[in-house]
Amino acid sequence: MNGPHDLGGQMGFGPVAPEQDEPQYHAAWEARAMGVTLACGALGCWPLDEGRFARESLHPAIYYNATYYEIWIRALESLLVKYGLVSAGELASGRGRSRPRAPSATDA
């Protein structure tokens, strides 16, 4: 596999410069993003591997320009739409429908 997520050893991306004493989260929204992603995964609507596939399937222009947690949220959005838990319109407007669809055991 050779996509934007698989940069190991590829030329042109400069050196890796680890941040000294890097915090787990750089902003509060990143912790919330991880929490929401894990909570939605616990709904059981998709298998664990599909979450990774969703992240790795993001368009390279999105992947290269997103932070780590932005990638997680973008992938989560695609899964929520795919499984009918939200619509693209709801994501665009930032407003949910009045009665959300409950996940079922047949979703996963």
PDB file of N, CA and C in Angstrom:
ATOM      1  N   MET A   1       0.847  -1.167   0.000  1.00  0.00           N
ATOM      2  CA  MET A   1       0.000   0.000   0.000  1.00  0.00           C
ATOM      3  C   MET A   1       0.891   1.228   0.000  1.00  0.00           C
ATOM      4  N   ASN A   2       0.580   2.175  -0.841  1.00  0.00           N
ATOM      5  CA  ASN A   2       1.396   3.374  -0.937  1.00  0.00           C
ATOM      6  C   ASN A   2       0.470   4.582  -1.032  1.00  0.00           C
ATOM      7  N   GLY A   3       0.018   5.048   0.099  1.00  0.00           N
ATOM      8  CA  GLY A   3      -0.871   6.197   0.138  1.00  0.00           C
ATOM      9  C   GLY A   3      -0.300   7.273   1.026  1.00  0.00           C
ATOM     10  N   PRO A   4      -1.059   8.324   1.268  1.00  0.00           N
ATOM     11  CA  PRO A   4      -0.537   9.431   2.076  1.00  0.00           C
ATOM     12  C   PRO A   4      -0.220   9.024   3.514  1.00  0.00           C
ATOM     13  N   HIS A   5      -0.857   7.980   4.000  1.00  0.00           N
ATOM     14  CA  HIS A   5      -0.621   7.524   5.370  1.00  0.00           C
ATOM     15  C   HIS A   5       0.657   6.695   5.487  1.00  0.00           C
ATOM     16  N   ASP A   6       1.230   6.299   4.375  1.00  0.00           N
ATOM     17  CA  ASP A   6       2.379   5.402   4.354  1.00  0.00           C
ATOM     18  C   ASP A   6       3.613   6.156   3.872  1.00  0.00           C
ATOM     19  N   LEU A   7       4.084   7.108   4.678  1.00  0.00           N
ATOM     20  CA  LEU A   7       5.189   7.967   4.270  1.00  0.00           C
ATOM     21  C   LEU A   7       6.555   7.444   4.684  1.00  0.00           C
ATOM     22  N   GLY A   8       6.596   6.378   5.431  1.00  0.00           N
ATOM     23  CA  GLY A   8       7.864   5.868   5.930  1.00  0.00           C
ATOM     24  C   GLY A   8       8.899   5.688   4.833  1.00  0.00           C
ATOM     25  N   GLY A   9       9.984   6.440   4.917  1.00  0.00           N
ATOM     26  CA  GLY A   9      11.079   6.304   3.968  1.00  0.00           C
ATOM     27  C   GLY A   9      10.900   7.067   2.675  1.00  0.00           C
ATOM     28  N   GLN A  10       9.770   7.719   2.461  1.00  0.00           N
ATOM     29  CA  GLN A  10       9.593   8.466   1.223  1.00  0.00           C
ATOM     30  C   GLN A  10      10.379   9.778   1.287  1.00  0.00           C
ATOM     31  N   MET A  11      10.885  10.172   0.140  1.00  0.00           N
ATOM     32  CA  MET A  11      11.694  11.383   0.052  1.00  0.00           C
ATOM     33  C   MET A  11      10.802  12.610  -0.098  1.00  0.00           C
ATOM     34  N   GLY A  12      11.312  13.773   0.301  1.00  0.00           N
ATOM     35  CA  GLY A  12      10.648  15.034   0.047  1.00  0.00           C
ATOM     36  C   GLY A  12       9.782  15.565   1.174  1.00  0.00           C
ATOM     37  N   PHE A  13       9.717  14.863   2.285  1.00  0.00           N
ATOM     38  CA  PHE A  13       8.885  15.329   3.380  1.00  0.00           C
ATOM     39  C   PHE A  13       9.707  15.873   4.540  1.00  0.00           C
ATOM     40  N   GLY A  14      10.995  15.971   4.360  1.00  0.00           N
ATOM     41  CA  GLY A  14      11.853  16.542   5.379  1.00  0.00           C
ATOM     42  C   GLY A  14      12.072  15.594   6.546  1.00  0.00           C
ATOM     43  N   PRO A  15      12.933  15.994   7.464  1.00  0.00           N
ATOM     44  CA  PRO A  15      13.234  15.140   8.611  1.00  0.00           C
ATOM     45  C   PRO A  15      12.084  15.126   9.619  1.00  0.00           C
ATOM     46  N   VAL A  16      12.012  14.064  10.368  1.00  0.00           N
ATOM     47  CA  VAL A  16      11.058  13.985  11.472  1.00  0.00           C
ATOM     48  C   VAL A  16      11.693  14.706  12.649  1.00  0.00           C
ATOM     49  N   ALA A  17      10.974  15.683  13.190  1.00  0.00           N
ATOM     50  CA  ALA A  17      11.488  16.468  14.308  1.00  0.00           C
ATOM     51  C   ALA A  17      10.555  16.300  15.496  1.00  0.00           C
ATOM     52  N   PRO A  18      10.795  15.286  16.325  1.00  0.00           N
ATOM     53  CA  PRO A  18       9.919  15.073  17.480  1.00  0.00           C
ATOM     54  C   PRO A  18       9.926  16.277  18.413  1.00  0.00           C
ATOM     55  N   GLU A  19       8.781  16.581  18.945  1.00  0.00           N
ATOM     56  CA  GLU A  19       8.644  17.688  19.889  1.00  0.00           C
ATOM     57  C   GLU A  19       9.129  17.222  21.254  1.00  0.00           C
ATOM     58  N   GLN A  20       9.999  18.000  21.868  1.00  0.00           N
ATOM     59  CA  GLN A  20      10.523  17.665  23.188  1.00  0.00           C
ATOM     60  C   GLN A  20       9.381  17.709  24.214  1.00  0.00           C
ATOM     61  N   ASP A  21       9.226  16.663  25.022  1.00  0.00           N
ATOM     62  CA  ASP A  21       8.173  16.599  26.048  1.00  0.00           C
ATOM     63  C   ASP A  21       6.789  16.872  25.463  1.00  0.00           C
ATOM     64  N   GLU A  22       6.522  16.281  24.311  1.00  0.00           N
ATOM     65  CA  GLU A  22       5.254  16.517  23.623  1.00  0.00           C
ATOM     66  C   GLU A  22       4.071  16.069  24.480  1.00  0.00           C
ATOM     67  N   PRO A  23       3.059  16.942  24.625  1.00  0.00           N
ATOM     68  CA  PRO A  23       1.875  16.544  25.388  1.00  0.00           C
ATOM     69  C   PRO A  23       1.018  15.576  24.566  1.00  0.00           C
ATOM     70  N   GLN A  24       0.185  14.810  25.251  1.00  0.00           N
ATOM     71  CA  GLN A  24      -0.691  13.886  24.542  1.00  0.00           C
ATOM     72  C   GLN A  24      -1.647  14.658  23.637  1.00  0.00           C
ATOM     73  N   TYR A  25      -2.160  15.774  24.145  1.00  0.00           N
ATOM     74  CA  TYR A  25      -3.068  16.619  23.369  1.00  0.00           C
ATOM     75  C   TYR A  25      -2.533  18.041  23.395  1.00  0.00           C
ATOM     76  N   HIS A  26      -2.567  18.691  22.244  1.00  0.00           N
ATOM     77  CA  HIS A  26      -2.109  20.076  22.168  1.00  0.00           C
ATOM     78  C   HIS A  26      -3.240  21.063  22.450  1.00  0.00           C
ATOM     79  N   ALA A  27      -4.469  20.614  22.360  1.00  0.00           N
ATOM     80  CA  ALA A  27      -5.634  21.466  22.607  1.00  0.00           C
ATOM     81  C   ALA A  27      -6.755  20.587  23.152  1.00  0.00           C
ATOM     82  N   ALA A  28      -7.672  21.212  23.879  1.00  0.00           N
ATOM     83  CA  ALA A  28      -8.769  20.453  24.498  1.00  0.00           C
ATOM     84  C   ALA A  28      -9.627  19.745  23.454  1.00  0.00           C
ATOM     85  N   TRP A  29      -9.798  20.346  22.260  1.00  0.00           N
ATOM     86  CA  TRP A  29     -10.647  19.720  21.248  1.00  0.00           C
ATOM     87  C   TRP A  29     -10.067  18.379  20.796  1.00  0.00           C
ATOM     88  N   GLU A  30      -8.759  18.222  20.862  1.00  0.00           N
ATOM     89  CA  GLU A  30      -8.154  16.956  20.441  1.00  0.00           C
ATOM     90  C   GLU A  30      -8.560  15.819  21.374  1.00  0.00           C
ATOM     91  N   ALA A  31      -8.602  16.079  22.657  1.00  0.00           N
ATOM     92  CA  ALA A  31      -9.049  15.061  23.614  1.00  0.00           C
ATOM     93  C   ALA A  31     -10.511  14.716  23.365  1.00  0.00           C
ATOM     94  N   ARG A  32     -11.333  15.728  23.084  1.00  0.00           N
ATOM     95  CA  ARG A  32     -12.749  15.468  22.777  1.00  0.00           C
ATOM     96  C   ARG A  32     -12.885  14.682  21.481  1.00  0.00           C
ATOM     97  N   ALA A  33     -12.063  15.004  20.499  1.00  0.00           N
ATOM     98  CA  ALA A  33     -12.115  14.287  19.221  1.00  0.00           C
ATOM     99  C   ALA A  33     -11.816  12.804  19.423  1.00  0.00           C
ATOM    100  N   MET A  34     -10.823  12.503  20.216  1.00  0.00           N
ATOM    101  CA  MET A  34     -10.499  11.102  20.480  1.00  0.00           C
ATOM    102  C   MET A  34     -11.623  10.438  21.264  1.00  0.00           C
ATOM    103  N   GLY A  35     -12.163  11.130  22.256  1.00  0.00           N
ATOM    104  CA  GLY A  35     -13.252  10.582  23.056  1.00  0.00           C
ATOM    105  C   GLY A  35     -14.493  10.287  22.228  1.00  0.00           C
ATOM    106  N   VAL A  36     -14.869  11.206  21.359  1.00  0.00           N
ATOM    107  CA  VAL A  36     -16.043  11.005  20.501  1.00  0.00           C
ATOM    108  C   VAL A  36     -15.790   9.844  19.540  1.00  0.00           C
ATOM    109  N   THR A  37     -14.595   9.762  19.000  1.00  0.00           N
ATOM    110  CA  THR A  37     -14.265   8.674  18.077  1.00  0.00           C
ATOM    111  C   THR A  37     -14.369   7.324  18.777  1.00  0.00           C
ATOM    112  N   LEU A  38     -13.830   7.221  19.976  1.00  0.00           N
ATOM    113  CA  LEU A  38     -13.893   5.957  20.717  1.00  0.00           C
ATOM    114  C   LEU A  38     -15.328   5.627  21.116  1.00  0.00           C
ATOM    115  N   ALA A  39     -16.072   6.641  21.539  1.00  0.00           N
ATOM    116  CA  ALA A  39     -17.472   6.405  21.929  1.00  0.00           C
ATOM    117  C   ALA A  39     -18.296   5.927  20.735  1.00  0.00           C
ATOM    118  N   CYS A  40     -18.097   6.523  19.580  1.00  0.00           N
ATOM    119  CA  CYS A  40     -18.839   6.104  18.391  1.00  0.00           C
ATOM    120  C   CYS A  40     -18.422   4.698  17.961  1.00  0.00           C
ATOM    121  N   GLY A  41     -17.156   4.380  18.107  1.00  0.00           N
ATOM    122  CA  GLY A  41     -16.708   3.018  17.806  1.00  0.00           C
ATOM    123  C   GLY A  41     -17.380   1.997  18.708  1.00  0.00           C
ATOM    124  N   ALA A  42     -17.648   2.396  19.953  1.00  0.00           N
ATOM    125  CA  ALA A  42     -18.285   1.489  20.904  1.00  0.00           C
ATOM    126  C   ALA A  42     -19.753   1.229  20.569  1.00  0.00           C
ATOM    127  N   LEU A  43     -20.319   2.013  19.654  1.00  0.00           N
ATOM    128  CA  LEU A  43     -21.696   1.747  19.217  1.00  0.00           C
ATOM    129  C   LEU A  43     -21.801   0.399  18.519  1.00  0.00           C
ATOM    130  N   GLY A  44     -20.673  -0.054  17.960  1.00  0.00           N
ATOM    131  CA  GLY A  44     -20.649  -1.356  17.300  1.00  0.00           C
ATOM    132  C   GLY A  44     -21.194  -1.355  15.886  1.00  0.00           C
ATOM    133  N   CYS A  45     -21.270  -0.193  15.265  1.00  0.00           N
ATOM    134  CA  CYS A  45     -21.816  -0.111  13.901  1.00  0.00           C
ATOM    135  C   CYS A  45     -20.814  -0.521  12.834  1.00  0.00           C
ATOM    136  N   TRP A  46     -19.532  -0.474  13.133  1.00  0.00           N
ATOM    137  CA  TRP A  46     -18.511  -0.869  12.166  1.00  0.00           C
ATOM    138  C   TRP A  46     -17.384  -1.562  12.927  1.00  0.00           C
ATOM    139  N   PRO A  47     -16.676  -2.457  12.252  1.00  0.00           N
ATOM    140  CA  PRO A  47     -15.562  -3.137  12.908  1.00  0.00           C
ATOM    141  C   PRO A  47     -14.375  -2.189  13.098  1.00  0.00           C
ATOM    142  N   LEU A  48     -13.553  -2.484  14.053  1.00  0.00           N
ATOM    143  CA  LEU A  48     -12.393  -1.652  14.383  1.00  0.00           C
ATOM    144  C   LEU A  48     -11.539  -1.346  13.154  1.00  0.00           C
ATOM    145  N   ASP A  49     -11.292  -2.354  12.342  1.00  0.00           N
ATOM    146  CA  ASP A  49     -10.438  -2.159  11.170  1.00  0.00           C
ATOM    147  C   ASP A  49     -11.018  -1.159  10.176  1.00  0.00           C
ATOM    148  N   GLU A  50     -12.339  -1.016  10.160  1.00  0.00           N
ATOM    149  CA  GLU A  50     -12.949  -0.078   9.226  1.00  0.00           C
ATOM    150  C   GLU A  50     -12.637   1.361   9.617  1.00  0.00           C
ATOM    151  N   GLY A  51     -12.441   1.609  10.907  1.00  0.00           N
ATOM    152  CA  GLY A  51     -12.035   2.942  11.346  1.00  0.00           C
ATOM    153  C   GLY A  51     -10.673   3.311  10.773  1.00  0.00           C
ATOM    154  N   ARG A  52      -9.746   2.382  10.840  1.00  0.00           N
ATOM    155  CA  ARG A  52      -8.416   2.636  10.274  1.00  0.00           C
ATOM    156  C   ARG A  52      -8.512   2.795   8.766  1.00  0.00           C
ATOM    157  N   PHE A  53      -9.304   1.953   8.114  1.00  0.00           N
ATOM    158  CA  PHE A  53      -9.474   2.051   6.670  1.00  0.00           C
ATOM    159  C   PHE A  53     -10.045   3.417   6.294  1.00  0.00           C
ATOM    160  N   ALA A  54     -10.982   3.915   7.077  1.00  0.00           N
ATOM    161  CA  ALA A  54     -11.566   5.231   6.796  1.00  0.00           C
ATOM    162  C   ALA A  54     -10.511   6.329   6.888  1.00  0.00           C
ATOM    163  N   ARG A  55      -9.629   6.242   7.872  1.00  0.00           N
ATOM    164  CA  ARG A  55      -8.561   7.243   7.996  1.00  0.00           C
ATOM    165  C   ARG A  55      -7.607   7.148   6.810  1.00  0.00           C
ATOM    166  N   GLU A  56      -7.253   5.926   6.438  1.00  0.00           N
ATOM    167  CA  GLU A  56      -6.281   5.729   5.360  1.00  0.00           C
ATOM    168  C   GLU A  56      -6.888   5.987   3.986  1.00  0.00           C
ATOM    169  N   SER A  57      -8.204   6.079   3.902  1.00  0.00           N
ATOM    170  CA  SER A  57      -8.878   6.306   2.622  1.00  0.00           C
ATOM    171  C   SER A  57      -9.156   7.773   2.350  1.00  0.00           C
ATOM    172  N   LEU A  58      -8.802   8.640   3.277  1.00  0.00           N
ATOM    173  CA  LEU A  58      -9.015  10.062   3.040  1.00  0.00           C
ATOM    174  C   LEU A  58      -8.224  10.512   1.820  1.00  0.00           C
ATOM    175  N   HIS A  59      -8.772  11.444   1.082  1.00  0.00           N
ATOM    176  CA  HIS A  59      -8.083  11.986  -0.088  1.00  0.00           C
ATOM    177  C   HIS A  59      -6.729  12.557   0.360  1.00  0.00           C
ATOM    178  N   PRO A  60      -5.679  12.343  -0.428  1.00  0.00           N
ATOM    179  CA  PRO A  60      -4.359  12.843  -0.030  1.00  0.00           C
ATOM    180  C   PRO A  60      -4.326  14.338   0.290  1.00  0.00           C
ATOM    181  N   ALA A  61      -5.083  15.149  -0.424  1.00  0.00           N
ATOM    182  CA  ALA A  61      -5.095  16.591  -0.146  1.00  0.00           C
ATOM    183  C   ALA A  61      -5.634  16.872   1.249  1.00  0.00           C
ATOM    184  N   ILE A  62      -6.581  16.069   1.696  1.00  0.00           N
ATOM    185  CA  ILE A  62      -7.114  16.222   3.054  1.00  0.00           C
ATOM    186  C   ILE A  62      -6.109  15.660   4.048  1.00  0.00           C
ATOM    187  N   TYR A  63      -5.610  14.470   3.776  1.00  0.00           N
ATOM    188  CA  TYR A  63      -4.711  13.789   4.708  1.00  0.00           C
ATOM    189  C   TYR A  63      -3.446  14.612   4.975  1.00  0.00           C
ATOM    190  N   TYR A  64      -2.809  15.104   3.906  1.00  0.00           N
ATOM    191  CA  TYR A  64      -1.553  15.840   4.061  1.00  0.00           C
ATOM    192  C   TYR A  64      -1.726  17.162   4.799  1.00  0.00           C
ATOM    193  N   ASN A  65      -2.914  17.751   4.738  1.00  0.00           N
ATOM    194  CA  ASN A  65      -3.137  19.068   5.325  1.00  0.00           C
ATOM    195  C   ASN A  65      -3.861  19.018   6.661  1.00  0.00           C
ATOM    196  N   ALA A  66      -4.070  17.831   7.183  1.00  0.00           N
ATOM    197  CA  ALA A  66      -4.792  17.680   8.447  1.00  0.00           C
ATOM    198  C   ALA A  66      -3.840  17.266   9.559  1.00  0.00           C
ATOM    199  N   THR A  67      -4.202  17.665  10.765  1.00  0.00           N
ATOM    200  CA  THR A  67      -3.457  17.198  11.924  1.00  0.00           C
ATOM    201  C   THR A  67      -3.914  15.776  12.261  1.00  0.00           C
ATOM    202  N   TYR A  68      -3.219  15.153  13.176  1.00  0.00           N
ATOM    203  CA  TYR A  68      -3.534  13.785  13.575  1.00  0.00           C
ATOM    204  C   TYR A  68      -4.993  13.635  13.968  1.00  0.00           C
ATOM    205  N   TYR A  69      -5.488  14.506  14.840  1.00  0.00           N
ATOM    206  CA  TYR A  69      -6.858  14.377  15.318  1.00  0.00           C
ATOM    207  C   TYR A  69      -7.876  14.858  14.291  1.00  0.00           C
ATOM    208  N   GLU A  70      -7.502  15.750  13.409  1.00  0.00           N
ATOM    209  CA  GLU A  70      -8.393  16.116  12.308  1.00  0.00           C
ATOM    210  C   GLU A  70      -8.632  14.909  11.403  1.00  0.00           C
ATOM    211  N   ILE A  71      -7.605  14.116  11.194  1.00  0.00           N
ATOM    212  CA  ILE A  71      -7.749  12.901  10.393  1.00  0.00           C
ATOM    213  C   ILE A  71      -8.736  11.954  11.061  1.00  0.00           C
ATOM    214  N   TRP A  72      -8.649  11.797  12.356  1.00  0.00           N
ATOM    215  CA  TRP A  72      -9.571  10.919  13.080  1.00  0.00           C
ATOM    216  C   TRP A  72     -11.007  11.414  12.950  1.00  0.00           C
ATOM    217  N   ILE A  73     -11.217  12.721  13.079  1.00  0.00           N
ATOM    218  CA  ILE A  73     -12.571  13.275  12.989  1.00  0.00           C
ATOM    219  C   ILE A  73     -13.109  13.156  11.566  1.00  0.00           C
ATOM    220  N   ARG A  74     -12.299  13.440  10.573  1.00  0.00           N
ATOM    221  CA  ARG A  74     -12.754  13.310   9.175  1.00  0.00           C
ATOM    222  C   ARG A  74     -13.180  11.875   8.878  1.00  0.00           C
ATOM    223  N   ALA A  75     -12.409  10.923   9.335  1.00  0.00           N
ATOM    224  CA  ALA A  75     -12.753   9.516   9.123  1.00  0.00           C
ATOM    225  C   ALA A  75     -14.036   9.170   9.865  1.00  0.00           C
ATOM    226  N   LEU A  76     -14.177   9.652  11.093  1.00  0.00           N
ATOM    227  CA  LEU A  76     -15.391   9.393  11.859  1.00  0.00           C
ATOM    228  C   LEU A  76     -16.605   9.969  11.139  1.00  0.00           C
ATOM    229  N   GLU A  77     -16.495  11.168  10.614  1.00  0.00           N
ATOM    230  CA  GLU A  77     -17.607  11.760   9.870  1.00  0.00           C
ATOM    231  C   GLU A  77     -18.037  10.850   8.722  1.00  0.00           C
ATOM    232  N   SER A  78     -17.063  10.322   7.986  1.00  0.00           N
ATOM    233  CA  SER A  78     -17.413   9.456   6.849  1.00  0.00           C
ATOM    234  C   SER A  78     -18.116   8.182   7.320  1.00  0.00           C
ATOM    235  N   LEU A  79     -17.693   7.630   8.439  1.00  0.00           N
ATOM    236  CA  LEU A  79     -18.339   6.420   8.964  1.00  0.00           C
ATOM    237  C   LEU A  79     -19.748   6.717   9.473  1.00  0.00           C
ATOM    238  N   LEU A  80     -19.925   7.839  10.143  1.00  0.00           N
ATOM    239  CA  LEU A  80     -21.248   8.193  10.643  1.00  0.00           C
ATOM    240  C   LEU A  80     -22.237   8.377   9.497  1.00  0.00           C
ATOM    241  N   VAL A  81     -21.786   8.976   8.397  1.00  0.00           N
ATOM    242  CA  VAL A  81     -22.650   9.140   7.223  1.00  0.00           C
ATOM    243  C   VAL A  81     -22.894   7.788   6.563  1.00  0.00           C
ATOM    244  N   LYS A  82     -21.838   7.012   6.386  1.00  0.00           N
ATOM    245  CA  LYS A  82     -21.967   5.704   5.736  1.00  0.00           C
ATOM    246  C   LYS A  82     -22.995   4.818   6.435  1.00  0.00           C
ATOM    247  N   TYR A  83     -23.008   4.851   7.744  1.00  0.00           N
ATOM    248  CA  TYR A  83     -23.909   3.981   8.503  1.00  0.00           C
ATOM    249  C   TYR A  83     -25.221   4.666   8.897  1.00  0.00           C
ATOM    250  N   GLY A  84     -25.471   5.831   8.316  1.00  0.00           N
ATOM    251  CA  GLY A  84     -26.755   6.493   8.495  1.00  0.00           C
ATOM    252  C   GLY A  84     -27.004   7.087   9.861  1.00  0.00           C
ATOM    253  N   LEU A  85     -25.962   7.299  10.638  1.00  0.00           N
ATOM    254  CA  LEU A  85     -26.138   7.883  11.962  1.00  0.00           C
ATOM    255  C   LEU A  85     -26.264   9.400  11.894  1.00  0.00           C
ATOM    256  N   VAL A  86     -25.702  10.001  10.872  1.00  0.00           N
ATOM    257  CA  VAL A  86     -25.888  11.416  10.550  1.00  0.00           C
ATOM    258  C   VAL A  86     -25.937  11.535   9.034  1.00  0.00           C
ATOM    259  N   SER A  87     -26.462  12.650   8.563  1.00  0.00           N
ATOM    260  CA  SER A  87     -26.467  12.889   7.116  1.00  0.00           C
ATOM    261  C   SER A  87     -25.381  13.905   6.778  1.00  0.00           C
ATOM    262  N   ALA A  88     -25.038  13.960   5.499  1.00  0.00           N
ATOM    263  CA  ALA A  88     -24.059  14.957   5.061  1.00  0.00           C
ATOM    264  C   ALA A  88     -24.583  16.356   5.340  1.00  0.00           C
ATOM    265  N   GLY A  89     -25.892  16.545   5.193  1.00  0.00           N
ATOM    266  CA  GLY A  89     -26.498  17.842   5.477  1.00  0.00           C
ATOM    267  C   GLY A  89     -26.371  18.231   6.936  1.00  0.00           C
ATOM    268  N   GLU A  90     -26.535  17.250   7.820  1.00  0.00           N
ATOM    269  CA  GLU A  90     -26.378  17.524   9.245  1.00  0.00           C
ATOM    270  C   GLU A  90     -24.941  17.932   9.561  1.00  0.00           C
ATOM    271  N   LEU A  91     -24.000  17.248   8.964  1.00  0.00           N
ATOM    272  CA  LEU A  91     -22.596  17.617   9.189  1.00  0.00           C
ATOM    273  C   LEU A  91     -22.318  19.018   8.676  1.00  0.00           C
ATOM    274  N   ALA A  92     -22.837  19.331   7.494  1.00  0.00           N
ATOM    275  CA  ALA A  92     -22.592  20.639   6.898  1.00  0.00           C
ATOM    276  C   ALA A  92     -23.214  21.760   7.730  1.00  0.00           C
ATOM    277  N   SER A  93     -24.402  21.515   8.264  1.00  0.00           N
ATOM    278  CA  SER A  93     -25.097  22.553   9.019  1.00  0.00           C
ATOM    279  C   SER A  93     -24.682  22.595  10.485  1.00  0.00           C
ATOM    280  N   GLY A  94     -24.138  21.478  10.990  1.00  0.00           N
ATOM    281  CA  GLY A  94     -23.802  21.399  12.406  1.00  0.00           C
ATOM    282  C   GLY A  94     -25.014  21.185  13.291  1.00  0.00           C
ATOM    283  N   ARG A  95     -26.129  20.817  12.679  1.00  0.00           N
ATOM    284  CA  ARG A  95     -27.374  20.604  13.421  1.00  0.00           C
ATOM    285  C   ARG A  95     -27.876  19.194  13.150  1.00  0.00           C
ATOM    286  N   GLY A  96     -28.219  18.492  14.217  1.00  0.00           N
ATOM    287  CA  GLY A  96     -28.740  17.136  14.094  1.00  0.00           C
ATOM    288  C   GLY A  96     -30.234  17.127  13.862  1.00  0.00           C
ATOM    289  N   ARG A  97     -30.714  15.989  13.423  1.00  0.00           N
ATOM    290  CA  ARG A  97     -32.165  15.848  13.268  1.00  0.00           C
ATOM    291  C   ARG A  97     -32.812  15.704  14.648  1.00  0.00           C
ATOM    292  N   SER A  98     -34.099  15.905  14.703  1.00  0.00           N
ATOM    293  CA  SER A  98     -34.767  15.894  16.000  1.00  0.00           C
ATOM    294  C   SER A  98     -34.780  14.508  16.632  1.00  0.00           C
ATOM    295  N   ARG A  99     -34.870  13.463  15.827  1.00  0.00           N
ATOM    296  CA  ARG A  99     -34.854  12.092  16.361  1.00  0.00           C
ATOM    297  C   ARG A  99     -33.734  11.319  15.680  1.00  0.00           C
ATOM    298  N   PRO A 100     -32.612  11.149  16.352  1.00  0.00           N
ATOM    299  CA  PRO A 100     -31.508  10.394  15.726  1.00  0.00           C
ATOM    300  C   PRO A 100     -31.870   8.933  15.564  1.00  0.00           C
ATOM    301  N   ARG A 101     -31.297   8.312  14.552  1.00  0.00           N
ATOM    302  CA  ARG A 101     -31.479   6.888  14.342  1.00  0.00           C
ATOM    303  C   ARG A 101     -30.616   6.145  15.340  1.00  0.00           C
ATOM    304  N   ALA A 102     -31.201   5.217  16.054  1.00  0.00           N
ATOM    305  CA  ALA A 102     -30.439   4.414  17.001  1.00  0.00           C
ATOM    306  C   ALA A 102     -29.682   3.336  16.244  1.00  0.00           C
ATOM    307  N   PRO A 103     -28.438   3.083  16.592  1.00  0.00           N
ATOM    308  CA  PRO A 103     -27.699   1.995  15.943  1.00  0.00           C
ATOM    309  C   PRO A 103     -28.339   0.656  16.295  1.00  0.00           C
ATOM    310  N   SER A 104     -28.230  -0.263  15.371  1.00  0.00           N
ATOM    311  CA  SER A 104     -28.785  -1.606  15.632  1.00  0.00           C
ATOM    312  C   SER A 104     -27.669  -2.631  15.591  1.00  0.00           C
ATOM    313  N   ALA A 105     -27.981  -3.812  16.087  1.00  0.00           N
ATOM    314  CA  ALA A 105     -26.987  -4.898  16.132  1.00  0.00           C
ATOM    315  C   ALA A 105     -26.588  -5.339  14.732  1.00  0.00           C
ATOM    316  N   THR A 106     -27.395  -5.053  13.727  1.00  0.00           N
ATOM    317  CA  THR A 106     -27.068  -5.470  12.364  1.00  0.00           C
ATOM    318  C   THR A 106     -26.180  -4.493  11.635  1.00  0.00           C
ATOM    319  N   ASP A 107     -25.823  -3.352  12.264  1.00  0.00           N
ATOM    320  CA  ASP A 107     -24.983  -2.365  11.605  1.00  0.00           C
ATOM    321  C   ASP A 107     -23.561  -2.862  11.370  1.00  0.00           C
ATOM    322  N   ALA A 108     -22.996  -3.579  12.320  1.00  0.00           N
ATOM    323  CA  ALA A 108     -21.594  -3.990  12.200  1.00  0.00           C
ATOM    324  C   ALA A 108     -21.443  -5.192  11.304  1.00  0.00           C
TER     325      ALA A 108
END
